[in-house]
C-alpha atoms as a PDB file:
ATOM      1  CA  MET A   1      91.231 -14.446   6.502  1.00  0.00           C
ATOM      2  CA  ALA A   2      87.427 -14.477   6.432  1.00  0.00           C
ATOM      3  CA  GLY A   3      87.403 -10.685   6.633  1.00  0.00           C
ATOM      4  CA  SER A   4      89.696 -10.359   3.618  1.00  0.00           C
ATOM      5  CA  LYS A   5      87.486 -12.778   1.706  1.00  0.00           C
ATOM      6  CA  LEU A   6      84.494 -10.546   2.466  1.00  0.00           C
ATOM      7  CA  VAL A   7      86.312  -7.452   1.277  1.00  0.00           C
ATOM      8  CA  LEU A   8      87.673  -9.047  -1.913  1.00  0.00           C
ATOM      9  CA  GLU A   9      84.828 -11.234  -3.168  1.00  0.00           C
ATOM     10  CA  GLY A  10      82.098  -8.936  -1.867  1.00  0.00           C
ATOM     11  CA  ARG A  11      83.690  -5.971  -3.608  1.00  0.00           C
ATOM     12  CA  ILE A  12      84.147  -7.941  -6.822  1.00  0.00           C
ATOM     13  CA  SER A  13      80.491  -8.990  -6.791  1.00  0.00           C
ATOM     14  CA  ILE A  14      79.324  -5.388  -6.273  1.00  0.00           C
ATOM     15  CA  ILE A  15      81.529  -4.008  -9.072  1.00  0.00           C
ATOM     16  CA  SER A  16      80.470  -6.790 -11.443  1.00  0.00           C
ATOM     17  CA  PHE A  17      76.770  -6.412 -10.593  1.00  0.00           C
ATOM     18  CA  LEU A  18      76.977  -2.677 -11.342  1.00  0.00           C
ATOM     19  CA  LEU A  19      78.862  -3.414 -14.544  1.00  0.00           C
ATOM     20  CA  GLY A  20      76.014  -5.652 -15.705  1.00  0.00           C
ATOM     21  CA  LEU A  21      73.452  -3.099 -14.514  1.00  0.00           C
ATOM     22  CA  GLY A  22      75.085  -0.597 -16.844  1.00  0.00           C
ATOM     23  CA  VAL A  23      72.941  -2.069 -19.627  1.00  0.00           C
ATOM     24  CA  VAL A  24      70.333   0.561 -18.685  1.00  0.00           C
ATOM     25  CA  VAL A  25      72.601   3.277 -20.086  1.00  0.00           C
ATOM     26  CA  ILE A  26      72.000   2.445 -23.753  1.00  0.00           C
ATOM     27  CA  PRO A  27      68.198   3.007 -23.682  1.00  0.00           C
ATOM     28  CA  LEU A  28      68.907   6.332 -21.945  1.00  0.00           C
ATOM     29  CA  LEU A  29      71.126   7.244 -24.895  1.00  0.00           C
ATOM     30  CA  VAL A  30      68.191   6.462 -27.165  1.00  0.00           C
ATOM     31  CA  LYS A  31      65.955   8.792 -25.154  1.00  0.00           C
ATOM     32  CA  PHE A  32      68.386  11.678 -24.854  1.00  0.00           C
ATOM     33  CA  GLY A  33      70.320  11.131 -28.084  1.00  0.00           C
ATOM     34  CA  SER A  34      67.838   9.906 -30.653  1.00  0.00           C
ATOM     35  CA  HIS A  35      70.269  10.856 -33.414  1.00  0.00           C
ATOM     36  CA  ILE A  36      72.197   7.674 -32.570  1.00  0.00           C
ATOM     37  CA  ASP A  37      69.933   5.666 -34.852  1.00  0.00           C
ATOM     38  CA  TRP A  38      71.824   2.362 -34.585  1.00  0.00           C
ATOM     39  CA  ILE A  39      70.457   1.877 -31.064  1.00  0.00           C
ATOM     40  CA  PHE A  40      66.692   1.666 -31.250  1.00  0.00           C
ATOM     41  CA  ASP A  41      64.017  -0.742 -30.067  1.00  0.00           C
ATOM     42  CA  TYR A  42      66.653  -1.904 -27.615  1.00  0.00           C
ATOM     43  CA  LEU A  43      65.359  -5.314 -26.572  1.00  0.00           C
ATOM     44  CA  THR A  44      63.394  -6.430 -29.646  1.00  0.00           C
ATOM     45  CA  ASP A  45      64.942  -4.941 -32.785  1.00  0.00           C
ATOM     46  CA  VAL A  46      67.889  -6.622 -34.505  1.00  0.00           C
ATOM     47  CA  ASN A  47      70.115  -3.647 -33.716  1.00  0.00           C
ATOM     48  CA  GLY A  48      69.046  -3.821 -30.093  1.00  0.00           C
ATOM     49  CA  LYS A  49      69.967  -7.503 -29.905  1.00  0.00           C
ATOM     50  CA  ILE A  50      73.342  -6.734 -31.440  1.00  0.00           C
ATOM     51  CA  ALA A  51      73.873  -4.007 -28.842  1.00  0.00           C
ATOM     52  CA  ILE A  52      73.109  -6.495 -26.055  1.00  0.00           C
ATOM     53  CA  ALA A  53      75.480  -9.094 -27.513  1.00  0.00           C
ATOM     54  CA  VAL A  54      78.274  -6.536 -27.869  1.00  0.00           C
ATOM     55  CA  TYR A  55      77.717  -5.234 -24.335  1.00  0.00           C
ATOM     56  CA  LEU A  56      77.858  -8.727 -22.825  1.00  0.00           C
ATOM     57  CA  THR A  57      80.917  -9.684 -24.890  1.00  0.00           C
ATOM     58  CA  VAL A  58      82.819  -6.557 -23.853  1.00  0.00           C
ATOM     59  CA  ASN A  59      81.896  -7.054 -20.190  1.00  0.00           C
ATOM     60  CA  ASN A  60      82.962 -10.686 -20.258  1.00  0.00           C
ATOM     61  CA  GLY A  61      86.257  -9.724 -21.892  1.00  0.00           C
ATOM     62  CA  LEU A  62      86.923  -7.117 -19.196  1.00  0.00           C
ATOM     63  CA  LEU A  63      86.176  -9.600 -16.435  1.00  0.00           C
ATOM     64  CA  LEU A  64      88.486 -12.181 -18.026  1.00  0.00           C
ATOM     65  CA  LEU A  65      91.289  -9.645 -18.154  1.00  0.00           C
ATOM     66  CA  ILE A  66      90.821  -8.429 -14.577  1.00  0.00           C
ATOM     67  CA  TYR A  67      89.905 -11.603 -12.671  1.00  0.00           C
ATOM     68  CA  LYS A  68      91.200 -15.162 -12.834  1.00  0.00           C
ATOM     69  CA  GLY A  69      89.875 -18.543 -11.709  1.00  0.00           C
ATOM     70  CA  PRO A  70      87.363 -18.475  -8.808  1.00  0.00           C
ATOM     71  CA  LEU A  71      87.205 -14.674  -8.783  1.00  0.00           C
ATOM     72  CA  TYR A  72      86.171 -14.632 -12.440  1.00  0.00           C
ATOM     73  CA  ARG A  73      83.398 -17.136 -11.705  1.00  0.00           C
ATOM     74  CA  VAL A  74      82.086 -14.846  -8.960  1.00  0.00           C
ATOM     75  CA  ALA A  75      82.358 -11.787 -11.196  1.00  0.00           C
ATOM     76  CA  VAL A  76      80.634 -13.280 -14.231  1.00  0.00           C
ATOM     77  CA  ARG A  77      77.653 -14.477 -12.155  1.00  0.00           C
ATOM     78  CA  ALA A  78      77.275 -11.129 -10.429  1.00  0.00           C
ATOM     79  CA  CYS A  79      77.588  -9.332 -13.778  1.00  0.00           C
ATOM     80  CA  PHE A  80      74.920 -11.567 -15.320  1.00  0.00           C
ATOM     81  CA  LEU A  81      72.540 -10.885 -12.424  1.00  0.00           C
ATOM     82  CA  GLY A  82      73.193  -7.152 -12.713  1.00  0.00           C
ATOM     83  CA  PHE A  83      72.476  -7.377 -16.431  1.00  0.00           C
ATOM     84  CA  ALA A  84      69.211  -9.247 -15.777  1.00  0.00           C
ATOM     85  CA  PHE A  85      68.226  -6.647 -13.165  1.00  0.00           C
ATOM     86  CA  GLY A  86      68.996  -3.860 -15.638  1.00  0.00           C
ATOM     87  CA  CYS A  87      66.902  -5.497 -18.383  1.00  0.00           C
ATOM     88  CA  GLY A  88      64.101  -5.885 -15.853  1.00  0.00           C
ATOM     89  CA  LEU A  89      64.272  -2.153 -15.077  1.00  0.00           C
ATOM     90  CA  ILE A  90      64.154  -1.313 -18.786  1.00  0.00           C
ATOM     91  CA  ILE A  91      61.061  -3.462 -19.312  1.00  0.00           C
ATOM     92  CA  SER A  92      59.415  -2.195 -16.120  1.00  0.00           C
ATOM     93  CA  PHE A  93      59.600   1.448 -17.201  1.00  0.00           C
ATOM     94  CA  ALA A  94      58.954   0.905 -20.900  1.00  0.00           C
ATOM     95  CA  GLU A  95      55.576   1.338 -22.562  1.00  0.00           C
ATOM     96  CA  THR A  96      54.873  -2.357 -22.952  1.00  0.00           C
ATOM     97  CA  THR A  97      52.495  -5.077 -21.813  1.00  0.00           C
ATOM     98  CA  TRP A  98      55.511  -6.953 -20.422  1.00  0.00           C
ATOM     99  CA  THR A  99      55.875  -4.588 -17.451  1.00  0.00           C
ATOM    100  CA  HIS A 100      55.071  -7.221 -14.838  1.00  0.00           C
ATOM    101  CA  PHE A 101      57.634  -9.590 -16.318  1.00  0.00           C
ATOM    102  CA  GLY A 102      60.154  -6.781 -15.857  1.00  0.00           C
ATOM    103  CA  TRP A 103      59.224  -6.680 -12.162  1.00  0.00           C
ATOM    104  CA  TYR A 104      59.763 -10.431 -12.044  1.00  0.00           C
ATOM    105  CA  MET A 105      63.217 -10.166 -13.645  1.00  0.00           C
ATOM    106  CA  CYS A 106      64.243  -7.537 -11.097  1.00  0.00           C
ATOM    107  CA  SER A 107      62.885  -9.634  -8.221  1.00  0.00           C
ATOM    108  CA  LEU A 108      64.563 -12.849  -9.320  1.00  0.00           C
ATOM    109  CA  SER A 109      67.969 -11.351 -10.114  1.00  0.00           C
ATOM    110  CA  PHE A 110      68.065  -9.252  -6.940  1.00  0.00           C
ATOM    111  CA  PHE A 111      67.098 -12.261  -4.802  1.00  0.00           C
ATOM    112  CA  HIS A 112      69.979 -14.363  -6.089  1.00  0.00           C
ATOM    113  CA  TYR A 113      72.560 -11.576  -5.996  1.00  0.00           C
ATOM    114  CA  SER A 114      71.590 -10.435  -2.513  1.00  0.00           C
ATOM    115  CA  GLU A 115      71.859 -14.014  -1.217  1.00  0.00           C
ATOM    116  CA  TYR A 116      75.561 -13.924  -2.129  1.00  0.00           C
ATOM    117  CA  LEU A 117      76.190 -10.390  -0.916  1.00  0.00           C
ATOM    118  CA  VAL A 118      74.483 -10.836   2.468  1.00  0.00           C
ATOM    119  CA  THR A 119      76.320 -14.140   2.990  1.00  0.00           C
ATOM    120  CA  ALA A 120      79.589 -12.305   2.281  1.00  0.00           C
ATOM    121  CA  ILE A 121      78.653  -9.810   4.987  1.00  0.00           C
ATOM    122  CA  ILE A 122      77.382 -12.121   7.723  1.00  0.00           C
ATOM    123  CA  ASN A 123      79.266 -15.376   7.227  1.00  0.00           C
ATOM    124  CA  PRO A 124      82.214 -15.059   4.786  1.00  0.00           C
ATOM    125  CA  ARG A 125      83.625 -18.406   5.937  1.00  0.00           C
ATOM    126  CA  SER A 126      80.711 -20.186   4.264  1.00  0.00           C
ATOM    127  CA  LEU A 127      80.825 -18.035   1.114  1.00  0.00           C
ATOM    128  CA  SER A 128      81.051 -19.927  -2.177  1.00  0.00           C
ATOM    129  CA  LEU A 129      79.603 -19.858  -5.685  1.00  0.00           C
ATOM    130  CA  ASP A 130      76.691 -21.851  -4.318  1.00  0.00           C
ATOM    131  CA  SER A 131      75.769 -18.815  -2.199  1.00  0.00           C
ATOM    132  CA  PHE A 132      74.185 -17.288  -5.308  1.00  0.00           C
ATOM    133  CA  LEU A 133      71.699 -20.208  -5.177  1.00  0.00           C
ATOM    134  CA  LEU A 134      71.702 -20.246  -8.986  1.00  0.00           C
ATOM    135  CA  ASN A 135      72.251 -24.005  -8.976  1.00  0.00           C
ATOM    136  CA  HIS A 136      69.899 -24.644  -6.058  1.00  0.00           C
ATOM    137  CA  SER A 137      68.437 -27.818  -7.583  1.00  0.00           C
ATOM    138  CA  VAL A 138      67.139 -29.272 -10.864  1.00  0.00           C
ATOM    139  CA  GLU A 139      63.600 -28.892  -9.524  1.00  0.00           C
ATOM    140  CA  TYR A 140      64.160 -25.185  -8.816  1.00  0.00           C
ATOM    141  CA  THR A 141      65.441 -24.601 -12.358  1.00  0.00           C
ATOM    142  CA  LEU A 142      62.520 -26.497 -13.905  1.00  0.00           C
ATOM    143  CA  ALA A 143      60.071 -24.522 -11.771  1.00  0.00           C
ATOM    144  CA  ALA A 144      61.547 -21.215 -12.985  1.00  0.00           C
ATOM    145  CA  ALA A 145      61.485 -22.348 -16.636  1.00  0.00           C
ATOM    146  CA  SER A 146      57.887 -23.514 -16.232  1.00  0.00           C
ATOM    147  CA  SER A 147      56.819 -20.114 -14.965  1.00  0.00           C
ATOM    148  CA  TRP A 148      58.436 -18.366 -17.953  1.00  0.00           C
ATOM    149  CA  MET A 149      56.746 -20.787 -20.343  1.00  0.00           C
ATOM    150  CA  GLU A 150      53.330 -20.388 -18.712  1.00  0.00           C
ATOM    151  CA  PHE A 151      53.579 -16.603 -18.758  1.00  0.00           C
ATOM    152  CA  THR A 152      54.563 -16.535 -22.444  1.00  0.00           C
ATOM    153  CA  VAL A 153      51.903 -19.018 -23.603  1.00  0.00           C
ATOM    154  CA  GLU A 154      49.096 -17.413 -21.606  1.00  0.00           C
ATOM    155  CA  LYS A 155      50.142 -13.931 -22.727  1.00  0.00           C
ATOM    156  CA  MET A 156      49.937 -15.135 -26.309  1.00  0.00           C
ATOM    157  CA  PHE A 157      46.473 -16.706 -26.041  1.00  0.00           C
ATOM    158  CA  PHE A 158      44.929 -14.865 -23.064  1.00  0.00           C
ATOM    159  CA  PRO A 159      46.634 -11.436 -22.972  1.00  0.00           C
ATOM    160  CA  GLU A 160      43.961  -9.922 -20.729  1.00  0.00           C
ATOM    161  CA  LEU A 161      44.912 -12.433 -18.009  1.00  0.00           C
ATOM    162  CA  LYS A 162      48.289 -10.756 -17.675  1.00  0.00           C
ATOM    163  CA  GLN A 163      46.872  -7.263 -17.129  1.00  0.00           C
ATOM    164  CA  LEU A 164      45.183  -7.806 -13.758  1.00  0.00           C
ATOM    165  CA  SER A 165      46.924  -4.893 -12.072  1.00  0.00           C
ATOM    166  CA  LEU A 166      45.579  -5.455  -8.543  1.00  0.00           C
ATOM    167  CA  VAL A 167      46.678  -9.086  -8.615  1.00  0.00           C
ATOM    168  CA  CYS A 168      50.123  -8.088  -9.921  1.00  0.00           C
ATOM    169  CA  PHE A 169      50.527  -5.474  -7.188  1.00  0.00           C
ATOM    170  CA  LEU A 170      49.538  -8.056  -4.573  1.00  0.00           C
ATOM    171  CA  GLY A 171      52.261 -10.332  -5.923  1.00  0.00           C
ATOM    172  CA  LEU A 172      54.775  -7.476  -5.863  1.00  0.00           C
ATOM    173  CA  PHE A 173      53.849  -6.721  -2.255  1.00  0.00           C
ATOM    174  CA  MET A 174      54.390 -10.385  -1.303  1.00  0.00           C
ATOM    175  CA  VAL A 175      57.737 -10.423  -3.102  1.00  0.00           C
ATOM    176  CA  LEU A 176      58.978  -7.284  -1.349  1.00  0.00           C
ATOM    177  CA  CYS A 177      57.803  -8.445   2.095  1.00  0.00           C
ATOM    178  CA  GLY A 178      59.183 -11.950   1.576  1.00  0.00           C
ATOM    179  CA  GLU A 179      62.533 -10.635   0.392  1.00  0.00           C
ATOM    180  CA  GLY A 180      62.714  -8.187   3.276  1.00  0.00           C
ATOM    181  CA  LEU A 181      61.852 -10.834   5.852  1.00  0.00           C
ATOM    182  CA  ARG A 182      64.411 -13.309   4.516  1.00  0.00           C
ATOM    183  CA  LYS A 183      67.255 -10.824   4.419  1.00  0.00           C
ATOM    184  CA  SER A 184      66.293  -9.525   7.894  1.00  0.00           C
ATOM    185  CA  ALA A 185      66.499 -13.108   9.160  1.00  0.00           C
ATOM    186  CA  MET A 186      69.919 -13.618   7.596  1.00  0.00           C
ATOM    187  CA  LEU A 187      71.282 -10.374   9.032  1.00  0.00           C
ATOM    188  CA  THR A 188      69.802 -11.101  12.463  1.00  0.00           C
ATOM    189  CA  ALA A 189      71.262 -14.612  12.551  1.00  0.00           C
ATOM    190  CA  GLY A 190      74.656 -13.366  11.401  1.00  0.00           C
ATOM    191  CA  SER A 191      77.355 -16.027  11.346  1.00  0.00           C
ATOM    192  CA  ASN A 192      74.797 -18.552  12.629  1.00  0.00           C
ATOM    193  CA  PHE A 193      73.098 -18.506   9.219  1.00  0.00           C
ATOM    194  CA  ASN A 194      74.102 -21.040   6.591  1.00  0.00           C
ATOM    195  CA  HIS A 195      72.476 -22.086   3.327  1.00  0.00           C
ATOM    196  CA  ILE A 196      73.261 -25.705   4.187  1.00  0.00           C
ATOM    197  CA  VAL A 197      71.705 -27.462   7.166  1.00  0.00           C
ATOM    198  CA  GLN A 198      74.550 -28.125   9.605  1.00  0.00           C
ATOM    199  CA  ASN A 199      75.002 -31.528  11.248  1.00  0.00           C
ATOM    200  CA  GLU A 200      77.779 -30.449  13.594  1.00  0.00           C
ATOM    201  CA  LYS A 201      77.609 -27.507  15.986  1.00  0.00           C
ATOM    202  CA  ALA A 202      80.284 -24.855  15.522  1.00  0.00           C
ATOM    203  CA  GLN A 203      81.799 -23.300  18.628  1.00  0.00           C
ATOM    204  CA  SER A 204      80.401 -19.900  17.686  1.00  0.00           C
ATOM    205  CA  HIS A 205      76.903 -21.238  16.945  1.00  0.00           C
ATOM    206  CA  VAL A 206      74.264 -19.798  19.273  1.00  0.00           C
ATOM    207  CA  LEU A 207      70.480 -20.045  19.377  1.00  0.00           C
ATOM    208  CA  VAL A 208      69.034 -16.833  17.928  1.00  0.00           C
ATOM    209  CA  THR A 209      65.621 -15.895  19.360  1.00  0.00           C
ATOM    210  CA  SER A 210      65.613 -12.106  18.995  1.00  0.00           C
ATOM    211  CA  GLY A 211      64.405  -9.810  16.214  1.00  0.00           C
ATOM    212  CA  VAL A 212      62.347 -11.557  13.555  1.00  0.00           C
ATOM    213  CA  TYR A 213      63.160 -14.862  15.276  1.00  0.00           C
ATOM    214  CA  SER A 214      60.915 -13.798  18.155  1.00  0.00           C
ATOM    215  CA  PHE A 215      57.953 -13.982  15.747  1.00  0.00           C
ATOM    216  CA  PHE A 216      58.887 -17.020  13.643  1.00  0.00           C
ATOM    217  CA  ARG A 217      61.265 -19.913  14.278  1.00  0.00           C
ATOM    218  CA  HIS A 218      62.224 -20.016  10.605  1.00  0.00           C
ATOM    219  CA  PRO A 219      61.787 -16.470   9.245  1.00  0.00           C
ATOM    220  CA  SER A 220      64.168 -16.999   6.324  1.00  0.00           C
ATOM    221  CA  TYR A 221      62.008 -19.887   5.111  1.00  0.00           C
ATOM    222  CA  VAL A 222      58.824 -17.899   5.671  1.00  0.00           C
ATOM    223  CA  GLY A 223      60.224 -15.078   3.569  1.00  0.00           C
ATOM    224  CA  TRP A 224      61.359 -17.395   0.801  1.00  0.00           C
ATOM    225  CA  PHE A 225      58.005 -19.254   0.823  1.00  0.00           C
ATOM    226  CA  TYR A 226      55.917 -16.116   0.290  1.00  0.00           C
ATOM    227  CA  TRP A 227      58.476 -14.599  -2.076  1.00  0.00           C
ATOM    228  CA  SER A 228      58.285 -17.625  -4.387  1.00  0.00           C
ATOM    229  CA  ILE A 229      54.474 -17.634  -4.442  1.00  0.00           C
ATOM    230  CA  GLY A 230      54.443 -13.858  -4.855  1.00  0.00           C
ATOM    231  CA  THR A 231      56.512 -14.072  -8.037  1.00  0.00           C
ATOM    232  CA  GLN A 232      53.806 -16.198  -9.653  1.00  0.00           C
ATOM    233  CA  ILE A 233      50.947 -14.016  -8.421  1.00  0.00           C
ATOM    234  CA  MET A 234      52.853 -11.048  -9.870  1.00  0.00           C
ATOM    235  CA  LEU A 235      53.000 -12.853 -13.231  1.00  0.00           C
ATOM    236  CA  CYS A 236      49.331 -13.905 -12.979  1.00  0.00           C
ATOM    237  CA  ASN A 237      50.351 -17.539 -13.586  1.00  0.00           C
ATOM    238  CA  PRO A 238      47.384 -19.552 -12.207  1.00  0.00           C
ATOM    239  CA  LEU A 239      48.966 -22.971 -12.809  1.00  0.00           C
ATOM    240  CA  CYS A 240      52.299 -22.039 -11.268  1.00  0.00           C
ATOM    241  CA  ILE A 241      50.623 -20.322  -8.307  1.00  0.00           C
ATOM    242  CA  VAL A 242      49.150 -23.669  -7.327  1.00  0.00           C
ATOM    243  CA  ALA A 243      52.275 -25.660  -8.248  1.00  0.00           C
ATOM    244  CA  TYR A 244      54.658 -23.296  -6.438  1.00  0.00           C
ATOM    245  CA  THR A 245      52.486 -23.259  -3.329  1.00  0.00           C
ATOM    246  CA  LEU A 246      52.353 -27.052  -3.103  1.00  0.00           C
ATOM    247  CA  ALA A 247      56.012 -27.619  -4.030  1.00  0.00           C
ATOM    248  CA  SER A 248      57.294 -24.888  -1.690  1.00  0.00           C
ATOM    249  CA  TRP A 249      55.140 -26.107   1.177  1.00  0.00           C
ATOM    250  CA  ARG A 250      56.420 -29.668   0.791  1.00  0.00           C
ATOM    251  CA  PHE A 251      60.035 -28.536   0.461  1.00  0.00           C
ATOM    252  CA  PHE A 252      59.951 -26.340   3.566  1.00  0.00           C
ATOM    253  CA  ARG A 253      58.087 -28.915   5.629  1.00  0.00           C
ATOM    254  CA  GLU A 254      60.867 -31.438   5.009  1.00  0.00           C
ATOM    255  CA  ARG A 255      63.570 -28.793   5.419  1.00  0.00           C
ATOM    256  CA  VAL A 256      62.192 -27.546   8.755  1.00  0.00           C
ATOM    257  CA  GLU A 257      61.964 -31.063  10.164  1.00  0.00           C
ATOM    258  CA  GLU A 258      65.518 -31.852   9.014  1.00  0.00           C
ATOM    259  CA  GLU A 259      66.886 -28.629  10.497  1.00  0.00           C
ATOM    260  CA  GLU A 260      65.057 -28.980  13.804  1.00  0.00           C
ATOM    261  CA  ILE A 261      66.567 -32.405  14.407  1.00  0.00           C
ATOM    262  CA  SER A 262      69.970 -30.700  14.357  1.00  0.00           C
ATOM    263  CA  LEU A 263      68.804 -27.731  16.436  1.00  0.00           C
ATOM    264  CA  ILE A 264      67.411 -29.983  19.161  1.00  0.00           C
ATOM    265  CA  HIS A 265      70.685 -31.893  19.134  1.00  0.00           C
ATOM    266  CA  PHE A 266      72.666 -28.637  19.376  1.00  0.00           C
ATOM    267  CA  PHE A 267      70.617 -26.758  21.966  1.00  0.00           C
ATOM    268  CA  GLY A 268      68.481 -29.383  23.726  1.00  0.00           C
ATOM    269  CA  GLU A 269      65.917 -27.985  26.183  1.00  0.00           C
ATOM    270  CA  ASP A 270      66.623 -24.399  25.159  1.00  0.00           C
ATOM    271  CA  TYR A 271      65.374 -25.092  21.664  1.00  0.00           C
ATOM    272  CA  LEU A 272      62.425 -27.173  22.854  1.00  0.00           C
ATOM    273  CA  GLU A 273      61.264 -24.278  25.038  1.00  0.00           C
ATOM    274  CA  TYR A 274      61.698 -21.869  22.152  1.00  0.00           C
ATOM    275  CA  LYS A 275      59.777 -24.269  19.915  1.00  0.00           C
ATOM    276  CA  LYS A 276      56.827 -24.297  22.326  1.00  0.00           C
ATOM    277  CA  LYS A 277      56.571 -20.495  22.380  1.00  0.00           C
ATOM    278  CA  VAL A 278      57.260 -19.494  18.787  1.00  0.00           C
ATOM    279  CA  PRO A 279      55.595 -20.918  15.633  1.00  0.00           C
ATOM    280  CA  THR A 280      57.459 -21.803  12.454  1.00  0.00           C
ATOM    281  CA  GLY A 281      55.608 -19.085  10.567  1.00  0.00           C
ATOM    282  CA  LEU A 282      54.806 -21.465   7.731  1.00  0.00           C
ATOM    283  CA  PRO A 283      51.145 -22.486   7.230  1.00  0.00           C
ATOM    284  CA  PHE A 284      50.259 -25.935   8.618  1.00  0.00           C
ATOM    285  CA  ILE A 285      53.920 -26.718   9.361  1.00  0.00           C
ATOM    286  CA  SER A 286      54.637 -27.238  13.048  1.00  0.00           C
ATOM    287  CA  GLY A 287      58.089 -28.754  12.721  1.00  0.00           C
ATOM    288  CA  ILE A 288      59.526 -31.968  14.122  1.00  0.00           C
ATOM    289  CA  ARG A 289      57.385 -33.734  16.684  1.00  0.00           C
ATOM    290  CA  VAL A 290      59.103 -34.608  19.910  1.00  0.00           C
ATOM    291  CA  ASN A 291      57.739 -37.233  22.291  1.00  0.00           C
ATOM    292  CA  SER A 292      57.429 -35.920  25.831  1.00  0.00           C
END
């Protein structure tokens, strides 16, 4: 049953993501078929905005015809993320001062889509719409909106601040490494990974200490921590760099302590020994304190 869910919903998400990603085709038509004058200035001109609206409407109509109920909800989210990734690619390769925001769009959309896809691969029993992490929390949504607002306002009044290439590349490096570490952790943990902290031990749940878990006790959190900060360094958002660092640190400190209470309950001395040998990987976060 779980295997069929992986095949069906995973395949639907891939097809829908690629369908949304197809938005990159229209600018290519502009480049190689400039005689099609109704498609120009793709993202900013009125005709470009009409092209986007038509593309999204047609895609949504196709998804409504093909998929029903829960499958449609999966498809439309994956399609939207593919569309956002495609727009990010367009901006990234265009001659514009918004290049780094294009990187950000690609990073954000790929992060959320890959969370769903990897979950479908490693633990299809826990797969749900929440696996996209699009509705992670109100705070997460406000943080994202704040970063967009800061970037736009600062670009308007301090445009030179957004052209610090070395800083942007540092942020991109952090994003790529953080994303890679998190997905490596998920794949290494396999069916033991879950987006929700578990209070009851499943029969198949084992303590994973190999791979990236031999370096950090919580590699998925380490990856997400540096990924989130990297997105703001990439955007050269000084206010959000500080805010994201503090908010992420506090969130993961509480999350690690909550999770380790369950892990000690599940694995007892085995986890305590592992805890002594391997750090959390997060700065100044040692995890739950246990009285000897």
